[in-house]
Amino acid sequence: MTDTAAQTQLLQPHDKDLGGGFKVRRLLPAAQRRSVGPFVFFDHFGPATEQPGTQHDVRPHPHIGLSTVTYLFEGAMMHRDSLGSVQEILPGAINWMTAGRGIVHSERKPERLKADTYVNHGLQLWAALPQAHEETEPSFEHTPASAIPEVVEQGVAVRVLVGEAFGQRSPVKALSQTIYLDIALPAGGRFELPALAPELAVYAVDADASVNGESIPAHTMAVLPDGQGAVLACDTAARLMVIGGEPLDGPRYITWNFVSSRRERILEAGSDWAAQRMGHVPGETEFIPLPGKPFGVREPDVGTTPV
């Protein structure tokens, strides 16, 4: 094991049930690591078979201080929000919703698929907004799969989902330096990942891999030493996701679906949601109530379970 590999931090997933038997693997936030670049939340869901009558819809719920980043490998989801956005999410696309001062959204099974059996599989990430943009106006941006740049680098297919890498720049607009890559490493493949950002991590989606010669089991995240790249390899074909960027500009409170650099802002958002002052998704009558009484805020970077 090299010195670089010895410094690699491995994060194991924690299973979370979001209701109705819909389980996710949560990698961030973790006790030993709260963020990688701007990313403060990383959920891997599926592959999960959706059948007629199954109810895994996520009812309207609020966010502040972050951008949600949704990416599907398989399946479909219908996004609706309090701005009036209605967008079906399909594999390979990037849904980037900036909550800013506050937004409400739902994620449901598309109407056209309610009688079908299909597989949902993907990732849900949160990027904390820079402090100067935490109270920005909410917005929504959908980038279809066809607009995401793809390059063959070192004989390996790489999709540049967010940020800039290997001479390609994603059209997705982030508010701080952000890296998000989808790497399809072939069986027996080897890939030299450069130091694309001050903080980087590699997640093994569906097969074991290695980072600088250190074994990385499937569903494990390897956080690289600051400012360093890594040599990635695998025996069988593996899908690897790379996340990272510049470090956060200070600690964040993370409670339920709220992220902020200010404790009092989290409490204010909780009161606003309890009073239904944060907006409504057109056509929706359901909502997820504020959890817990009283609604508390933990210390910076210590997250409770989001929905």
C-alpha atoms as a PDB file:
ATOM      1  CA  MET A   1       0.000   0.000   0.000  1.00  0.00           C
ATOM      2  CA  THR A   2       1.414   3.390  -0.931  1.00  0.00           C
ATOM      3  CA  ASP A   3       1.544   6.367   1.377  1.00  0.00           C
ATOM      4  CA  THR A   4      -1.176   8.006  -0.706  1.00  0.00           C
ATOM      5  CA  ALA A   5      -3.412   4.951  -0.380  1.00  0.00           C
ATOM      6  CA  ALA A   6      -2.787   4.900   3.386  1.00  0.00           C
ATOM      7  CA  GLN A   7      -4.285   8.365   3.618  1.00  0.00           C
ATOM      8  CA  THR A   8      -7.385   7.481   1.635  1.00  0.00           C
ATOM      9  CA  GLN A   9     -10.504   7.673   3.814  1.00  0.00           C
ATOM     10  CA  LEU A  10     -13.091   4.959   3.200  1.00  0.00           C
ATOM     11  CA  LEU A  11     -16.756   5.659   3.910  1.00  0.00           C
ATOM     12  CA  GLN A  12     -19.221   2.786   4.225  1.00  0.00           C
ATOM     13  CA  PRO A  13     -22.923   3.293   3.464  1.00  0.00           C
ATOM     14  CA  HIS A  14     -25.625   3.492   6.093  1.00  0.00           C
ATOM     15  CA  ASP A  15     -28.989   2.105   5.005  1.00  0.00           C
ATOM     16  CA  LYS A  16     -31.912   4.485   5.447  1.00  0.00           C
ATOM     17  CA  ASP A  17     -35.587   3.714   4.895  1.00  0.00           C
ATOM     18  CA  LEU A  18     -37.351   6.721   3.393  1.00  0.00           C
ATOM     19  CA  GLY A  19     -40.747   5.106   3.789  1.00  0.00           C
ATOM     20  CA  GLY A  20     -42.762   2.426   2.045  1.00  0.00           C
ATOM     21  CA  GLY A  21     -39.753   0.134   2.037  1.00  0.00           C
ATOM     22  CA  PHE A  22     -37.776   2.498  -0.196  1.00  0.00           C
ATOM     23  CA  LYS A  23     -34.215   2.152   1.060  1.00  0.00           C
ATOM     24  CA  VAL A  24     -31.127   4.158   0.195  1.00  0.00           C
ATOM     25  CA  ARG A  25     -27.428   3.858   0.942  1.00  0.00           C
ATOM     26  CA  ARG A  26     -26.237   7.071   2.574  1.00  0.00           C
ATOM     27  CA  LEU A  27     -22.542   7.966   2.317  1.00  0.00           C
ATOM     28  CA  LEU A  28     -22.659  11.657   3.270  1.00  0.00           C
ATOM     29  CA  PRO A  29     -22.950  13.042   5.834  1.00  0.00           C
ATOM     30  CA  ALA A  30     -20.903  10.505   7.800  1.00  0.00           C
ATOM     31  CA  ALA A  31     -19.501  10.654  11.304  1.00  0.00           C
ATOM     32  CA  GLN A  32     -15.938  10.758   9.995  1.00  0.00           C
ATOM     33  CA  ARG A  33     -16.579  13.022   7.003  1.00  0.00           C
ATOM     34  CA  ARG A  34     -19.214  15.729   6.633  1.00  0.00           C
ATOM     35  CA  SER A  35     -18.511  17.001   3.112  1.00  0.00           C
ATOM     36  CA  VAL A  36     -16.424  16.584  -0.034  1.00  0.00           C
ATOM     37  CA  GLY A  37     -16.058  19.851  -1.906  1.00  0.00           C
ATOM     38  CA  PRO A  38     -19.520  21.446  -1.784  1.00  0.00           C
ATOM     39  CA  PHE A  39     -21.293  18.087  -1.428  1.00  0.00           C
ATOM     40  CA  VAL A  40     -22.817  17.535   2.024  1.00  0.00           C
ATOM     41  CA  PHE A  41     -25.211  14.712   1.147  1.00  0.00           C
ATOM     42  CA  PHE A  42     -24.869  11.581  -1.009  1.00  0.00           C
ATOM     43  CA  ASP A  43     -27.629   8.961  -1.360  1.00  0.00           C
ATOM     44  CA  HIS A  44     -27.480   5.921  -3.650  1.00  0.00           C
ATOM     45  CA  PHE A  45     -30.908   4.387  -4.252  1.00  0.00           C
ATOM     46  CA  GLY A  46     -31.739   1.129  -6.029  1.00  0.00           C
ATOM     47  CA  PRO A  47     -31.685  -0.771  -8.191  1.00  0.00           C
ATOM     48  CA  ALA A  48     -35.287  -1.032  -6.972  1.00  0.00           C
ATOM     49  CA  THR A  49     -38.109  -2.634  -8.909  1.00  0.00           C
ATOM     50  CA  GLU A  50     -41.149  -0.409  -9.146  1.00  0.00           C
ATOM     51  CA  GLN A  51     -44.403  -2.274  -9.682  1.00  0.00           C
ATOM     52  CA  PRO A  52     -47.993  -1.157 -10.192  1.00  0.00           C
ATOM     53  CA  GLY A  53     -49.372  -0.133  -6.818  1.00  0.00           C
ATOM     54  CA  THR A  54     -46.014   0.478  -5.121  1.00  0.00           C
ATOM     55  CA  GLN A  55     -45.864   3.841  -3.387  1.00  0.00           C
ATOM     56  CA  HIS A  56     -42.391   5.340  -3.201  1.00  0.00           C
ATOM     57  CA  ASP A  57     -43.419   8.892  -4.061  1.00  0.00           C
ATOM     58  CA  VAL A  58     -41.748  11.672  -2.079  1.00  0.00           C
ATOM     59  CA  ARG A  59     -44.427  14.169  -1.073  1.00  0.00           C
ATOM     60  CA  PRO A  60     -43.793  17.941  -1.170  1.00  0.00           C
ATOM     61  CA  HIS A  61     -41.066  18.991   1.251  1.00  0.00           C
ATOM     62  CA  PRO A  62     -38.875  22.100   1.634  1.00  0.00           C
ATOM     63  CA  HIS A  63     -35.176  22.956   1.261  1.00  0.00           C
ATOM     64  CA  ILE A  64     -32.985  25.970   1.974  1.00  0.00           C
ATOM     65  CA  GLY A  65     -29.288  26.728   1.475  1.00  0.00           C
ATOM     66  CA  LEU A  66     -28.464  23.951  -0.988  1.00  0.00           C
ATOM     67  CA  SER A  67     -28.779  22.631  -4.527  1.00  0.00           C
ATOM     68  CA  THR A  68     -30.265  19.171  -5.057  1.00  0.00           C
ATOM     69  CA  VAL A  69     -28.560  17.145  -7.789  1.00  0.00           C
ATOM     70  CA  THR A  70     -30.473  14.149  -9.166  1.00  0.00           C
ATOM     71  CA  TYR A  71     -28.911  11.620 -11.579  1.00  0.00           C
ATOM     72  CA  LEU A  72     -30.529   8.381 -12.744  1.00  0.00           C
ATOM     73  CA  PHE A  73     -28.853   5.263 -14.110  1.00  0.00           C
ATOM     74  CA  GLU A  74     -32.228   3.623 -14.782  1.00  0.00           C
ATOM     75  CA  GLY A  75     -35.891   4.492 -14.458  1.00  0.00           C
ATOM     76  CA  ALA A  76     -37.740   7.792 -14.258  1.00  0.00           C
ATOM     77  CA  MET A  77     -39.015  10.349 -11.728  1.00  0.00           C
ATOM     78  CA  MET A  78     -41.369  13.289 -12.031  1.00  0.00           C
ATOM     79  CA  HIS A  79     -40.109  16.491 -10.429  1.00  0.00           C
ATOM     80  CA  ARG A  80     -42.498  19.288  -9.464  1.00  0.00           C
ATOM     81  CA  ASP A  81     -41.666  22.382  -7.428  1.00  0.00           C
ATOM     82  CA  SER A  82     -43.116  25.583  -6.008  1.00  0.00           C
ATOM     83  CA  LEU A  83     -41.718  27.579  -8.945  1.00  0.00           C
ATOM     84  CA  GLY A  84     -44.130  25.693 -11.185  1.00  0.00           C
ATOM     85  CA  SER A  85     -41.451  23.464 -12.735  1.00  0.00           C
ATOM     86  CA  VAL A  86     -42.659  20.092 -14.012  1.00  0.00           C
ATOM     87  CA  GLN A  87     -39.905  17.845 -15.340  1.00  0.00           C
ATOM     88  CA  GLU A  88     -39.579  14.118 -15.891  1.00  0.00           C
ATOM     89  CA  ILE A  89     -36.070  12.989 -14.940  1.00  0.00           C
ATOM     90  CA  LEU A  90     -34.612  10.319 -17.232  1.00  0.00           C
ATOM     91  CA  PRO A  91     -31.304   8.404 -17.120  1.00  0.00           C
ATOM     92  CA  GLY A  92     -28.203  10.419 -17.906  1.00  0.00           C
ATOM     93  CA  ALA A  93     -29.775  13.840 -17.292  1.00  0.00           C
ATOM     94  CA  ILE A  94     -28.891  16.245 -14.478  1.00  0.00           C
ATOM     95  CA  ASN A  95     -31.632  17.898 -12.438  1.00  0.00           C
ATOM     96  CA  TRP A  96     -30.131  20.830 -10.531  1.00  0.00           C
ATOM     97  CA  MET A  97     -32.532  22.623  -8.185  1.00  0.00           C
ATOM     98  CA  THR A  98     -31.173  25.541  -6.185  1.00  0.00           C
ATOM     99  CA  ALA A  99     -33.188  26.075  -3.018  1.00  0.00           C
ATOM    100  CA  GLY A 100     -31.556  29.329  -1.902  1.00  0.00           C
ATOM    101  CA  ARG A 101     -33.915  31.133   0.476  1.00  0.00           C
ATOM    102  CA  GLY A 102     -36.472  28.361   0.100  1.00  0.00           C
ATOM    103  CA  ILE A 103     -38.204  25.991  -2.309  1.00  0.00           C
ATOM    104  CA  VAL A 104     -40.688  23.120  -2.062  1.00  0.00           C
ATOM    105  CA  HIS A 105     -40.671  20.095  -4.358  1.00  0.00           C
ATOM    106  CA  SER A 106     -42.000  16.576  -4.836  1.00  0.00           C
ATOM    107  CA  GLU A 107     -40.620  13.516  -6.621  1.00  0.00           C
ATOM    108  CA  ARG A 108     -43.179  11.017  -7.838  1.00  0.00           C
ATOM    109  CA  LYS A 109     -43.710   8.109 -10.196  1.00  0.00           C
ATOM    110  CA  PRO A 110     -44.552   9.464 -13.661  1.00  0.00           C
ATOM    111  CA  GLU A 111     -48.207   8.990 -14.561  1.00  0.00           C
ATOM    112  CA  ARG A 112     -47.253   7.139 -17.737  1.00  0.00           C
ATOM    113  CA  LEU A 113     -45.464   4.442 -15.715  1.00  0.00           C
ATOM    114  CA  LYS A 114     -48.046   3.797 -12.997  1.00  0.00           C
ATOM    115  CA  ALA A 115     -49.204   0.560 -14.636  1.00  0.00           C
ATOM    116  CA  ASP A 116     -45.673  -0.588 -15.516  1.00  0.00           C
ATOM    117  CA  THR A 117     -42.925  -2.572 -13.839  1.00  0.00           C
ATOM    118  CA  TYR A 118     -39.529  -0.900 -14.143  1.00  0.00           C
ATOM    119  CA  VAL A 119     -36.287  -0.321 -12.230  1.00  0.00           C
ATOM    120  CA  ASN A 120     -35.287   2.913 -10.495  1.00  0.00           C
ATOM    121  CA  HIS A 121     -31.594   3.387  -9.802  1.00  0.00           C
ATOM    122  CA  GLY A 122     -29.669   6.583  -9.212  1.00  0.00           C
ATOM    123  CA  LEU A 123     -28.049   9.146  -6.969  1.00  0.00           C
ATOM    124  CA  GLN A 124     -29.348  12.114  -5.011  1.00  0.00           C
ATOM    125  CA  LEU A 125     -26.731  14.659  -3.895  1.00  0.00           C
ATOM    126  CA  TRP A 126     -26.859  18.004  -2.145  1.00  0.00           C
ATOM    127  CA  ALA A 127     -24.347  20.768  -2.766  1.00  0.00           C
ATOM    128  CA  ALA A 128     -24.219  23.407  -0.018  1.00  0.00           C
ATOM    129  CA  LEU A 129     -24.384  26.909  -1.430  1.00  0.00           C
ATOM    130  CA  PRO A 130     -21.549  29.373  -0.759  1.00  0.00           C
ATOM    131  CA  GLN A 131     -22.423  31.630   2.156  1.00  0.00           C
ATOM    132  CA  ALA A 132     -22.845  34.618  -0.173  1.00  0.00           C
ATOM    133  CA  HIS A 133     -25.525  32.693  -2.098  1.00  0.00           C
ATOM    134  CA  GLU A 134     -27.383  30.899   0.695  1.00  0.00           C
ATOM    135  CA  GLU A 135     -30.342  33.278   0.397  1.00  0.00           C
ATOM    136  CA  THR A 136     -30.346  33.511  -3.405  1.00  0.00           C
ATOM    137  CA  GLU A 137     -33.612  33.264  -5.317  1.00  0.00           C
ATOM    138  CA  PRO A 138     -34.613  29.628  -5.860  1.00  0.00           C
ATOM    139  CA  SER A 139     -34.213  28.217  -9.363  1.00  0.00           C
ATOM    140  CA  PHE A 140     -34.477  25.000 -11.336  1.00  0.00           C
ATOM    141  CA  GLU A 141     -32.340  23.748 -14.217  1.00  0.00           C
ATOM    142  CA  HIS A 142     -32.735  20.528 -16.188  1.00  0.00           C
ATOM    143  CA  THR A 143     -29.905  19.387 -18.466  1.00  0.00           C
ATOM    144  CA  PRO A 144     -30.877  16.453 -20.714  1.00  0.00           C
ATOM    145  CA  ALA A 145     -28.523  13.516 -21.215  1.00  0.00           C
ATOM    146  CA  SER A 146     -27.818  14.629 -24.781  1.00  0.00           C
ATOM    147  CA  ALA A 147     -26.323  17.914 -23.507  1.00  0.00           C
ATOM    148  CA  ILE A 148     -23.907  16.306 -21.037  1.00  0.00           C
ATOM    149  CA  PRO A 149     -20.400  16.147 -22.558  1.00  0.00           C
ATOM    150  CA  GLU A 150     -18.761  12.742 -22.862  1.00  0.00           C
ATOM    151  CA  VAL A 151     -15.125  12.064 -23.687  1.00  0.00           C
ATOM    152  CA  VAL A 152     -12.970   8.983 -24.115  1.00  0.00           C
ATOM    153  CA  GLU A 153      -9.915   9.538 -21.921  1.00  0.00           C
ATOM    154  CA  GLN A 154      -7.201   6.899 -21.560  1.00  0.00           C
ATOM    155  CA  GLY A 155      -9.539   4.534 -23.383  1.00  0.00           C
ATOM    156  CA  VAL A 156     -12.263   5.083 -20.762  1.00  0.00           C
ATOM    157  CA  ALA A 157     -15.673   6.745 -21.296  1.00  0.00           C
ATOM    158  CA  VAL A 158     -16.149   9.712 -18.961  1.00  0.00           C
ATOM    159  CA  ARG A 159     -19.277  11.859 -18.665  1.00  0.00           C
ATOM    160  CA  VAL A 160     -18.640  15.339 -17.254  1.00  0.00           C
ATOM    161  CA  LEU A 161     -21.876  15.873 -15.328  1.00  0.00           C
ATOM    162  CA  VAL A 162     -20.854  19.058 -13.510  1.00  0.00           C
ATOM    163  CA  GLY A 163     -17.704  21.147 -13.756  1.00  0.00           C
ATOM    164  CA  GLU A 164     -14.760  20.900 -16.107  1.00  0.00           C
ATOM    165  CA  ALA A 165     -12.475  17.955 -16.845  1.00  0.00           C
ATOM    166  CA  PHE A 166     -10.445  16.524 -19.734  1.00  0.00           C
ATOM    167  CA  GLY A 167     -11.122  19.520 -21.966  1.00  0.00           C
ATOM    168  CA  GLN A 168     -14.900  19.287 -21.491  1.00  0.00           C
ATOM    169  CA  ARG A 169     -17.160  21.662 -19.571  1.00  0.00           C
ATOM    170  CA  SER A 170     -20.640  20.740 -18.382  1.00  0.00           C
ATOM    171  CA  PRO A 171     -23.414  23.241 -19.116  1.00  0.00           C
ATOM    172  CA  VAL A 172     -24.733  22.773 -15.561  1.00  0.00           C
ATOM    173  CA  LYS A 173     -24.155  25.997 -13.635  1.00  0.00           C
ATOM    174  CA  ALA A 174     -22.759  25.591 -10.113  1.00  0.00           C
ATOM    175  CA  LEU A 175     -22.036  28.491  -7.740  1.00  0.00           C
ATOM    176  CA  SER A 176     -18.632  27.203  -6.640  1.00  0.00           C
ATOM    177  CA  GLN A 177     -15.988  24.930  -8.135  1.00  0.00           C
ATOM    178  CA  THR A 178     -17.712  21.564  -8.441  1.00  0.00           C
ATOM    179  CA  ILE A 179     -16.672  18.244  -9.975  1.00  0.00           C
ATOM    180  CA  TYR A 180     -19.098  15.422 -10.734  1.00  0.00           C
ATOM    181  CA  LEU A 181     -18.039  12.663 -13.153  1.00  0.00           C
ATOM    182  CA  ASP A 182     -19.472   9.330 -14.304  1.00  0.00           C
ATOM    183  CA  ILE A 183     -16.637   6.952 -15.282  1.00  0.00           C
ATOM    184  CA  ALA A 184     -17.296   3.617 -17.042  1.00  0.00           C
ATOM    185  CA  LEU A 185     -14.169   1.629 -16.263  1.00  0.00           C
ATOM    186  CA  PRO A 186     -13.942  -1.543 -18.400  1.00  0.00           C
ATOM    187  CA  ALA A 187     -12.891  -4.938 -17.028  1.00  0.00           C
ATOM    188  CA  GLY A 188      -9.174  -4.870 -16.337  1.00  0.00           C
ATOM    189  CA  GLY A 189      -9.190  -1.105 -16.851  1.00  0.00           C
ATOM    190  CA  ARG A 190      -6.862   1.452 -15.348  1.00  0.00           C
ATOM    191  CA  PHE A 191      -7.480   5.192 -15.165  1.00  0.00           C
ATOM    192  CA  GLU A 192      -5.311   8.009 -13.858  1.00  0.00           C
ATOM    193  CA  LEU A 193      -7.586  10.564 -12.229  1.00  0.00           C
ATOM    194  CA  PRO A 194      -5.797  13.912 -11.965  1.00  0.00           C
ATOM    195  CA  ALA A 195      -6.203  16.307  -9.055  1.00  0.00           C
ATOM    196  CA  LEU A 196      -9.159  18.122 -10.621  1.00  0.00           C
ATOM    197  CA  ALA A 197     -10.084  19.955  -7.405  1.00  0.00           C
ATOM    198  CA  PRO A 198      -8.773  20.471  -3.861  1.00  0.00           C
ATOM    199  CA  GLU A 199     -11.172  17.793  -2.542  1.00  0.00           C
ATOM    200  CA  LEU A 200     -12.160  14.635  -4.435  1.00  0.00           C
ATOM    201  CA  ALA A 201     -13.843  11.321  -3.683  1.00  0.00           C
ATOM    202  CA  VAL A 202     -14.538   8.200  -5.754  1.00  0.00           C
ATOM    203  CA  TYR A 203     -17.682   6.091  -5.278  1.00  0.00           C
ATOM    204  CA  ALA A 204     -17.942   2.498  -6.550  1.00  0.00           C
ATOM    205  CA  VAL A 205     -21.526   2.141  -7.780  1.00  0.00           C
ATOM    206  CA  ASP A 206     -21.855  -1.471  -8.859  1.00  0.00           C
ATOM    207  CA  ALA A 207     -18.570  -3.412  -8.567  1.00  0.00           C
ATOM    208  CA  ASP A 208     -15.372  -3.615  -6.567  1.00  0.00           C
ATOM    209  CA  ALA A 209     -12.505  -1.413  -7.694  1.00  0.00           C
ATOM    210  CA  SER A 210      -9.187  -0.151  -6.379  1.00  0.00           C
ATOM    211  CA  VAL A 211      -7.845   3.314  -5.639  1.00  0.00           C
ATOM    212  CA  ASN A 212      -4.049   3.582  -5.639  1.00  0.00           C
ATOM    213  CA  GLY A 213      -3.937  -0.182  -5.213  1.00  0.00           C
ATOM    214  CA  GLU A 214      -6.277  -0.200  -2.200  1.00  0.00           C
ATOM    215  CA  SER A 215      -9.392  -2.343  -2.594  1.00  0.00           C
ATOM    216  CA  ILE A 216     -12.648  -0.387  -2.659  1.00  0.00           C
ATOM    217  CA  PRO A 217     -15.720  -2.625  -2.359  1.00  0.00           C
ATOM    218  CA  ALA A 218     -18.887  -1.755  -4.254  1.00  0.00           C
ATOM    219  CA  HIS A 219     -21.001   0.890  -2.452  1.00  0.00           C
ATOM    220  CA  THR A 220     -17.916   2.357  -0.785  1.00  0.00           C
ATOM    221  CA  MET A 221     -16.664   5.941  -1.105  1.00  0.00           C
ATOM    222  CA  ALA A 222     -12.929   6.632  -1.130  1.00  0.00           C
ATOM    223  CA  VAL A 223     -12.099  10.221  -0.119  1.00  0.00           C
ATOM    224  CA  LEU A 224      -8.712  11.111  -1.575  1.00  0.00           C
ATOM    225  CA  PRO A 225      -6.037  13.074   0.262  1.00  0.00           C
ATOM    226  CA  ASP A 226      -6.528  16.813  -0.274  1.00  0.00           C
ATOM    227  CA  GLY A 227      -5.129  18.079  -3.542  1.00  0.00           C
ATOM    228  CA  GLN A 228      -4.357  14.638  -4.935  1.00  0.00           C
ATOM    229  CA  GLY A 229      -5.623  12.479  -7.757  1.00  0.00           C
ATOM    230  CA  ALA A 230      -5.515   8.683  -7.871  1.00  0.00           C
ATOM    231  CA  VAL A 231      -5.039   5.618 -10.034  1.00  0.00           C
ATOM    232  CA  LEU A 232      -8.341   3.773 -10.436  1.00  0.00           C
ATOM    233  CA  ALA A 233      -8.522   0.143 -11.536  1.00  0.00           C
ATOM    234  CA  CYS A 234     -10.878  -2.837 -11.573  1.00  0.00           C
ATOM    235  CA  ASP A 235     -10.965  -6.520 -12.497  1.00  0.00           C
ATOM    236  CA  THR A 236     -14.587  -6.516 -13.652  1.00  0.00           C
ATOM    237  CA  ALA A 237     -16.318  -3.583 -15.337  1.00  0.00           C
ATOM    238  CA  ALA A 238     -17.177  -0.897 -12.777  1.00  0.00           C
ATOM    239  CA  ARG A 239     -19.098   2.346 -12.742  1.00  0.00           C
ATOM    240  CA  LEU A 240     -17.288   4.958 -10.673  1.00  0.00           C
ATOM    241  CA  MET A 241     -18.583   8.373  -9.683  1.00  0.00           C
ATOM    242  CA  VAL A 242     -16.202  11.200  -8.823  1.00  0.00           C
ATOM    243  CA  ILE A 243     -17.388  14.112  -6.679  1.00  0.00           C
ATOM    244  CA  GLY A 244     -15.561  17.106  -5.277  1.00  0.00           C
ATOM    245  CA  GLY A 245     -14.612  20.735  -5.647  1.00  0.00           C
ATOM    246  CA  GLU A 246     -13.331  23.529  -3.488  1.00  0.00           C
ATOM    247  CA  PRO A 247     -13.925  23.120   0.260  1.00  0.00           C
ATOM    248  CA  LEU A 248     -16.905  24.722   1.944  1.00  0.00           C
ATOM    249  CA  ASP A 249     -16.374  28.302   3.090  1.00  0.00           C
ATOM    250  CA  GLY A 250     -17.079  27.428   6.706  1.00  0.00           C
ATOM    251  CA  PRO A 251     -19.099  24.803   8.606  1.00  0.00           C
ATOM    252  CA  ARG A 252     -22.749  24.071   7.915  1.00  0.00           C
ATOM    253  CA  TYR A 253     -25.688  23.145  10.089  1.00  0.00           C
ATOM    254  CA  ILE A 254     -27.631  20.283   8.487  1.00  0.00           C
ATOM    255  CA  THR A 255     -31.028  19.506   9.984  1.00  0.00           C
ATOM    256  CA  TRP A 256     -33.770  17.610   8.162  1.00  0.00           C
ATOM    257  CA  ASN A 257     -33.896  19.151   4.644  1.00  0.00           C
ATOM    258  CA  PHE A 258     -32.237  22.417   5.620  1.00  0.00           C
ATOM    259  CA  VAL A 259     -28.609  23.487   5.231  1.00  0.00           C
ATOM    260  CA  SER A 260     -27.222  26.793   6.504  1.00  0.00           C
ATOM    261  CA  SER A 261     -24.159  28.419   7.981  1.00  0.00           C
ATOM    262  CA  ARG A 262     -26.460  30.002  10.578  1.00  0.00           C
ATOM    263  CA  ARG A 263     -28.249  28.105  13.342  1.00  0.00           C
ATOM    264  CA  GLU A 264     -31.029  30.662  13.606  1.00  0.00           C
ATOM    265  CA  ARG A 265     -31.778  30.328   9.888  1.00  0.00           C
ATOM    266  CA  ILE A 266     -32.477  26.606  10.322  1.00  0.00           C
ATOM    267  CA  LEU A 267     -34.912  27.362  13.151  1.00  0.00           C
ATOM    268  CA  GLU A 268     -36.598  30.046  11.061  1.00  0.00           C
ATOM    269  CA  ALA A 269     -37.022  27.641   8.136  1.00  0.00           C
ATOM    270  CA  GLY A 270     -38.532  25.060  10.459  1.00  0.00           C
ATOM    271  CA  SER A 271     -41.071  27.581  11.743  1.00  0.00           C
ATOM    272  CA  ASP A 272     -41.872  28.702   8.203  1.00  0.00           C
ATOM    273  CA  TRP A 273     -42.516  25.148   7.027  1.00  0.00           C
ATOM    274  CA  ALA A 274     -44.622  24.308  10.076  1.00  0.00           C
ATOM    275  CA  ALA A 275     -46.780  27.340   9.247  1.00  0.00           C
ATOM    276  CA  GLN A 276     -46.800  26.450   5.521  1.00  0.00           C
ATOM    277  CA  ARG A 277     -45.151  29.759   4.584  1.00  0.00           C
ATOM    278  CA  MET A 278     -42.524  28.333   2.200  1.00  0.00           C
ATOM    279  CA  GLY A 279     -44.704  27.895  -0.865  1.00  0.00           C
ATOM    280  CA  HIS A 280     -46.717  25.127  -2.449  1.00  0.00           C
ATOM    281  CA  VAL A 281     -46.299  22.790  -5.387  1.00  0.00           C
ATOM    282  CA  PRO A 282     -49.124  23.509  -7.853  1.00  0.00           C
ATOM    283  CA  GLY A 283     -51.594  20.646  -7.980  1.00  0.00           C
ATOM    284  CA  GLU A 284     -50.285  19.006  -4.791  1.00  0.00           C
ATOM    285  CA  THR A 285     -52.314  18.789  -1.589  1.00  0.00           C
ATOM    286  CA  GLU A 286     -50.047  16.477   0.439  1.00  0.00           C
ATOM    287  CA  PHE A 287     -46.868  17.495   2.252  1.00  0.00           C
ATOM    288  CA  ILE A 288     -44.306  16.033   4.641  1.00  0.00           C
ATOM    289  CA  PRO A 289     -44.764  17.611   8.085  1.00  0.00           C
ATOM    290  CA  LEU A 290     -41.915  19.046  10.089  1.00  0.00           C
ATOM    291  CA  PRO A 291     -40.411  16.223  12.175  1.00  0.00           C
ATOM    292  CA  GLY A 292     -39.950  16.381  15.899  1.00  0.00           C
ATOM    293  CA  LYS A 293     -41.191  18.632  18.685  1.00  0.00           C
ATOM    294  CA  PRO A 294     -39.427  20.842  19.397  1.00  0.00           C
ATOM    295  CA  PHE A 295     -37.548  21.209  16.128  1.00  0.00           C
ATOM    296  CA  GLY A 296     -33.909  21.321  17.216  1.00  0.00           C
ATOM    297  CA  VAL A 297     -30.636  22.194  15.503  1.00  0.00           C
ATOM    298  CA  ARG A 298     -27.481  20.259  16.200  1.00  0.00           C
ATOM    299  CA  GLU A 299     -23.952  21.586  16.056  1.00  0.00           C
ATOM    300  CA  PRO A 300     -22.409  22.511  12.670  1.00  0.00           C
ATOM    301  CA  ASP A 301     -21.882  19.618  10.261  1.00  0.00           C
ATOM    302  CA  VAL A 302     -23.889  17.144  12.369  1.00  0.00           C
ATOM    303  CA  GLY A 303     -26.808  16.070  10.209  1.00  0.00           C
ATOM    304  CA  THR A 304     -30.113  14.543  11.117  1.00  0.00           C
ATOM    305  CA  THR A 305     -31.834  12.265   8.642  1.00  0.00           C
ATOM    306  CA  PRO A 306     -33.136  14.250   5.653  1.00  0.00           C
ATOM    307  CA  VAL A 307     -36.171  13.238   3.643  1.00  0.00           C
END
